[in-house]
Amino acid sequence: MDVPTPTGAILALIKACFKHNDHLAPLVKSYMYLFRKDIRISMACLVRYEFEGKIILVRNRHRQEYIAPFGGVIKFHEDARTVLDNIEFQSEQKSSTDKDLIYDLRGYLKSRHFGTFMTWFKSRTGREQVDALHRELREEFAESGIPQHIATPLIEAKYSLVRVIHEGPYGHDEHKHATFRYLEIYKPVMSQGVEEALKHLAEISTSSDSKTQLVNKQELDKLRTRLGVPIAGHARYLNSAKWHGFEPAAL
């Protein structure tokens, strides 16, 4: 039987670091739960809509009492099902009626498969990319009753990546699983049409019956508007790459 030499082990470690360099910290953390917990993963993209120093948020579709950033969970394609089945990924389908959740990259996998999952995800094959953003925007603008002359320029706009967030994996004693969240934060590339749309979106967001609201930095930091409306915790990532507090992202 071949016994690995220290040099071989070091080379293997270096090779692994290069392979997983952009998610090395989460990968290392995943080994903490290797024999203890499954990992719940949630992969999402969010949009930072800003007008005159204020952020525009929308009623969260899954937790209506909260306002949250536009955006949502990234979906995988059917041709990736074999890959995900091989790493024992289980989609978090909440009920038999939630057919649209079947392809969500939100669910559970064994800790030992975390590195393989991230390598597949980073390959950007078999899943949505920035098209996830456009799909989510179409759905959210329609559900929120945003007029077409506002929604269309923002749906059709180009978006640039601001930052990528890796949160976790971390575990809680009361849960049987650890949690990992991946967030891509985008902002629209400005043009005259986008600027006009944001201006009009901000204007209708001042109405008391609007499903969108303007919030300032202080409200975002407190996770509550001056009128007492709670803000989903992951909204803080629009302004910062660091997590503050303990509330899980409402995704």
Protein backbone atom coordinates (compact mmCIF):
# COMPACT_ATOMS: atom_id res chain seq x y z
CA MET A 1 0.00 0.00 0.00
CA ASP A 2 1.35 3.41 -0.96
CA VAL A 3 1.89 5.73 1.98
CA PRO A 4 1.46 9.41 1.11
CA THR A 5 4.62 11.40 1.72
CA PRO A 6 4.56 14.83 3.38
CA THR A 7 5.55 16.35 0.04
CA GLY A 8 2.68 14.55 -1.70
CA ALA A 9 0.23 15.73 0.93
CA ILE A 10 1.43 19.32 0.58
CA LEU A 11 1.12 19.17 -3.21
CA ALA A 12 -2.39 17.73 -2.88
CA LEU A 13 -3.31 20.55 -0.51
CA ILE A 14 -1.92 23.19 -2.88
CA LYS A 15 -3.82 21.62 -5.78
CA ALA A 16 -7.04 21.68 -3.75
CA CYS A 17 -6.47 25.33 -2.84
CA PHE A 18 -6.16 26.29 -6.50
CA LYS A 19 -9.19 24.22 -7.45
CA HIS A 20 -11.39 25.79 -4.78
CA ASN A 21 -9.60 29.13 -4.43
CA ASP A 22 -12.69 31.33 -4.76
CA HIS A 23 -14.66 29.39 -2.12
CA LEU A 24 -11.79 28.01 -0.01
CA ALA A 25 -13.04 29.40 3.32
CA PRO A 26 -16.52 27.87 2.99
CA LEU A 27 -14.96 24.59 1.85
CA VAL A 28 -12.74 24.43 4.95
CA LYS A 29 -15.74 25.25 7.15
CA SER A 30 -17.74 22.46 5.52
CA TYR A 31 -15.26 19.90 6.88
CA MET A 32 -16.29 20.96 10.40
CA TYR A 33 -19.63 19.26 9.73
CA LEU A 34 -18.28 16.32 7.74
CA PHE A 35 -19.54 13.68 10.16
CA ARG A 36 -22.19 15.75 11.95
CA LYS A 37 -24.59 17.58 9.67
CA ASP A 38 -26.00 17.95 6.22
CA ILE A 39 -25.61 21.41 4.69
CA ARG A 40 -28.57 23.50 3.59
CA ILE A 41 -27.47 25.61 0.63
CA SER A 42 -29.17 28.67 -0.84
CA MET A 43 -27.76 30.25 -4.01
CA ALA A 44 -29.29 33.58 -5.00
CA CYS A 45 -28.84 36.85 -6.85
CA LEU A 46 -29.99 40.27 -5.60
CA VAL A 47 -30.29 43.73 -7.13
CA ARG A 48 -29.29 47.02 -5.58
CA TYR A 49 -31.71 49.68 -6.84
CA GLU A 50 -30.65 53.08 -5.54
CA PHE A 51 -32.13 56.53 -6.09
CA GLU A 52 -30.73 59.70 -4.50
CA GLY A 53 -28.96 57.75 -1.77
CA LYS A 54 -31.93 55.54 -0.86
CA ILE A 55 -32.45 51.86 -1.59
CA ILE A 56 -35.65 50.57 -3.19
CA LEU A 57 -36.98 47.35 -1.63
CA VAL A 58 -40.03 45.22 -2.39
CA ARG A 59 -42.43 43.06 -0.39
CA ASN A 60 -40.90 39.61 0.07
CA ARG A 61 -42.94 37.02 -1.81
CA HIS A 62 -42.36 34.27 0.75
CA ARG A 63 -42.58 36.40 3.90
CA GLN A 64 -45.08 39.16 3.14
CA GLU A 65 -44.46 41.00 6.40
CA TYR A 66 -40.92 41.85 5.23
CA ILE A 67 -39.53 44.11 2.54
CA ALA A 68 -36.41 42.82 0.81
CA PRO A 69 -34.12 43.37 -2.19
CA PHE A 70 -35.32 42.48 -5.67
CA GLY A 71 -34.00 39.10 -6.79
CA GLY A 72 -34.17 35.52 -5.64
CA VAL A 73 -32.93 31.96 -5.87
CA ILE A 74 -30.89 30.72 -8.85
CA LYS A 75 -32.36 27.66 -10.61
CA PHE A 76 -30.62 24.67 -12.17
CA HIS A 77 -31.47 23.20 -15.58
CA GLU A 78 -32.80 19.70 -16.20
CA ASP A 79 -29.51 18.64 -17.83
CA ALA A 80 -27.77 19.16 -14.47
CA ARG A 81 -30.04 16.76 -12.61
CA THR A 82 -27.66 13.79 -13.01
CA VAL A 83 -24.77 15.82 -11.58
CA LEU A 84 -26.87 16.93 -8.62
CA ASP A 85 -28.28 13.43 -8.07
CA ASN A 86 -24.73 12.07 -7.92
CA ILE A 87 -23.93 14.41 -5.04
CA GLU A 88 -27.25 13.63 -3.33
CA PHE A 89 -28.68 17.14 -3.63
CA GLN A 90 -32.26 17.34 -2.32
CA SER A 91 -34.28 20.35 -3.49
CA GLU A 92 -36.23 22.13 -0.77
CA GLN A 93 -39.71 21.71 -2.21
CA LYS A 94 -42.11 23.03 0.41
CA SER A 95 -45.22 21.26 -0.87
CA SER A 96 -46.50 19.33 -3.84
CA THR A 97 -48.04 22.54 -5.20
CA ASP A 98 -44.74 24.42 -5.27
CA LYS A 99 -43.74 23.03 -8.66
CA ASP A 100 -41.64 26.12 -9.46
CA LEU A 101 -39.36 25.33 -6.51
CA ILE A 102 -38.24 21.97 -7.90
CA TYR A 103 -35.36 23.56 -9.82
CA ASP A 104 -34.29 25.98 -7.07
CA LEU A 105 -30.68 25.76 -5.94
CA ARG A 106 -31.95 25.78 -2.41
CA GLY A 107 -31.90 22.51 -0.56
CA TYR A 108 -29.72 19.97 1.20
CA LEU A 109 -26.60 17.95 0.48
CA LYS A 110 -24.11 15.88 2.42
CA SER A 111 -21.18 17.84 3.81
CA ARG A 112 -18.72 15.59 1.99
CA HIS A 113 -20.16 16.75 -1.36
CA PHE A 114 -19.89 20.49 -0.67
CA GLY A 115 -16.61 20.97 -2.59
CA THR A 116 -17.92 19.04 -5.60
CA PHE A 117 -21.12 21.08 -5.58
CA MET A 118 -19.24 24.39 -5.49
CA THR A 119 -16.92 23.27 -8.31
CA TRP A 120 -19.99 22.47 -10.44
CA PHE A 121 -21.71 25.72 -9.50
CA LYS A 122 -18.65 27.81 -10.34
CA SER A 123 -18.42 26.13 -13.75
CA ARG A 124 -21.63 28.06 -14.57
CA THR A 125 -22.98 25.14 -16.60
CA GLY A 126 -26.38 23.56 -16.13
CA ARG A 127 -27.79 26.50 -14.21
CA GLU A 128 -29.06 30.03 -14.56
CA GLN A 129 -26.55 32.84 -14.66
CA VAL A 130 -27.54 36.51 -14.97
CA ASP A 131 -30.75 35.28 -16.63
CA ALA A 132 -31.89 34.33 -13.12
CA LEU A 133 -31.92 38.01 -12.33
CA HIS A 134 -34.07 38.92 -15.32
CA ARG A 135 -36.50 36.07 -14.56
CA GLU A 136 -36.87 37.15 -10.94
CA LEU A 137 -37.37 40.78 -11.96
CA ARG A 138 -40.11 39.87 -14.44
CA GLU A 139 -41.91 37.89 -11.75
CA GLU A 140 -41.51 40.48 -8.99
CA PHE A 141 -42.48 43.48 -11.10
CA ALA A 142 -45.60 41.65 -12.30
CA GLU A 143 -46.60 40.51 -8.79
CA SER A 144 -45.99 43.99 -7.37
CA GLY A 145 -48.13 45.69 -10.01
CA ILE A 146 -45.28 47.87 -11.29
CA PRO A 147 -46.37 49.69 -14.50
CA GLN A 148 -44.78 48.44 -17.71
CA HIS A 149 -43.12 51.78 -18.53
CA ILE A 150 -41.12 51.37 -15.30
CA ALA A 151 -40.63 47.60 -15.31
CA THR A 152 -39.54 47.09 -18.92
CA PRO A 153 -36.40 49.33 -18.90
CA LEU A 154 -35.24 47.69 -15.66
CA ILE A 155 -35.92 44.14 -16.84
CA GLU A 156 -34.11 44.77 -20.13
CA ALA A 157 -31.21 46.68 -18.54
CA LYS A 158 -27.68 45.33 -18.34
CA TYR A 159 -26.43 44.52 -14.84
CA SER A 160 -22.93 44.58 -13.40
CA LEU A 161 -21.71 42.40 -10.53
CA VAL A 162 -20.96 44.39 -7.36
CA ARG A 163 -19.86 41.63 -4.99
CA VAL A 164 -20.18 37.94 -4.18
CA ILE A 165 -21.08 36.84 -0.66
CA HIS A 166 -20.20 33.48 0.91
CA GLU A 167 -22.00 33.07 4.24
CA GLY A 168 -21.15 29.95 6.23
CA PRO A 169 -21.37 27.06 6.40
CA TYR A 170 -22.34 27.50 10.02
CA GLY A 171 -24.43 25.37 12.33
CA HIS A 172 -26.92 25.82 15.15
CA ASP A 173 -27.43 23.26 17.87
CA GLU A 174 -31.21 23.31 17.35
CA HIS A 175 -30.88 22.46 13.65
CA LYS A 176 -29.93 19.11 12.16
CA HIS A 177 -28.10 20.86 9.34
CA ALA A 178 -25.49 23.54 8.77
CA THR A 179 -26.31 26.51 6.51
CA PHE A 180 -24.45 28.02 3.55
CA ARG A 181 -25.65 31.00 1.52
CA TYR A 182 -24.18 32.33 -1.71
CA LEU A 183 -25.32 35.75 -2.90
CA GLU A 184 -24.43 37.68 -6.04
CA ILE A 185 -25.15 41.40 -5.69
CA TYR A 186 -25.83 43.31 -8.92
CA LYS A 187 -26.61 46.89 -9.88
CA PRO A 188 -28.07 48.19 -13.16
CA VAL A 189 -25.77 49.76 -15.73
CA MET A 190 -27.05 53.31 -15.90
CA SER A 191 -28.61 54.77 -19.04
CA GLN A 192 -31.20 57.47 -19.60
CA GLY A 193 -33.97 54.87 -19.71
CA VAL A 194 -32.80 53.17 -16.51
CA GLU A 195 -32.42 56.50 -14.69
CA GLU A 196 -35.97 57.51 -15.66
CA ALA A 197 -37.34 54.13 -14.58
CA LEU A 198 -35.59 54.33 -11.19
CA LYS A 199 -36.93 57.85 -10.68
CA HIS A 200 -40.50 56.72 -11.35
CA LEU A 201 -40.04 53.58 -9.24
CA ALA A 202 -38.82 55.74 -6.36
CA GLU A 203 -41.82 58.05 -6.77
CA ILE A 204 -44.41 55.28 -6.52
CA SER A 205 -42.47 53.76 -3.60
CA THR A 206 -43.47 56.73 -1.43
CA SER A 207 -47.14 55.68 -1.58
CA SER A 208 -48.46 53.98 1.55
CA ASP A 209 -50.13 51.20 -0.45
CA SER A 210 -47.13 50.50 -2.70
CA LYS A 211 -45.43 47.10 -2.51
CA THR A 212 -42.08 48.86 -2.96
CA GLN A 213 -40.50 51.19 -0.41
CA LEU A 214 -37.55 53.55 -0.15
CA VAL A 215 -35.20 53.04 2.79
CA ASN A 216 -32.17 54.99 3.93
CA LYS A 217 -28.91 53.67 5.38
CA GLN A 218 -30.07 54.06 8.98
CA GLU A 219 -33.23 52.05 8.32
CA LEU A 220 -31.19 49.40 6.53
CA ASP A 221 -28.78 49.16 9.47
CA LYS A 222 -31.68 48.78 11.92
CA LEU A 223 -33.57 46.39 9.63
CA ARG A 224 -36.74 48.39 10.20
CA THR A 225 -38.28 51.40 8.48
CA ARG A 226 -39.30 54.52 10.38
CA LEU A 227 -42.90 53.27 10.12
CA GLY A 228 -41.95 49.95 11.71
CA VAL A 229 -41.90 47.73 8.62
CA PRO A 230 -39.31 44.93 9.13
CA ILE A 231 -36.54 44.61 6.55
CA ALA A 232 -35.19 41.16 5.65
CA GLY A 233 -31.70 40.63 7.08
CA HIS A 234 -29.99 39.86 3.78
CA ALA A 235 -30.80 43.42 2.62
CA ARG A 236 -27.75 44.58 4.56
CA TYR A 237 -25.57 42.87 1.99
CA LEU A 238 -26.56 45.57 -0.49
CA ASN A 239 -24.24 47.93 1.39
CA SER A 240 -21.72 45.57 2.93
CA ALA A 241 -19.88 42.33 2.28
CA LYS A 242 -20.03 41.47 5.98
CA TRP A 243 -22.90 39.89 7.88
CA HIS A 244 -24.18 41.68 10.96
CA GLY A 245 -26.60 39.94 13.28
CA PHE A 246 -28.10 36.50 13.46
CA GLU A 247 -31.32 36.55 11.43
CA PRO A 248 -31.10 34.11 8.51
CA ALA A 249 -31.54 35.43 5.00
CA ALA A 250 -35.20 35.30 3.93
CA LEU A 251 -34.58 33.31 0.76
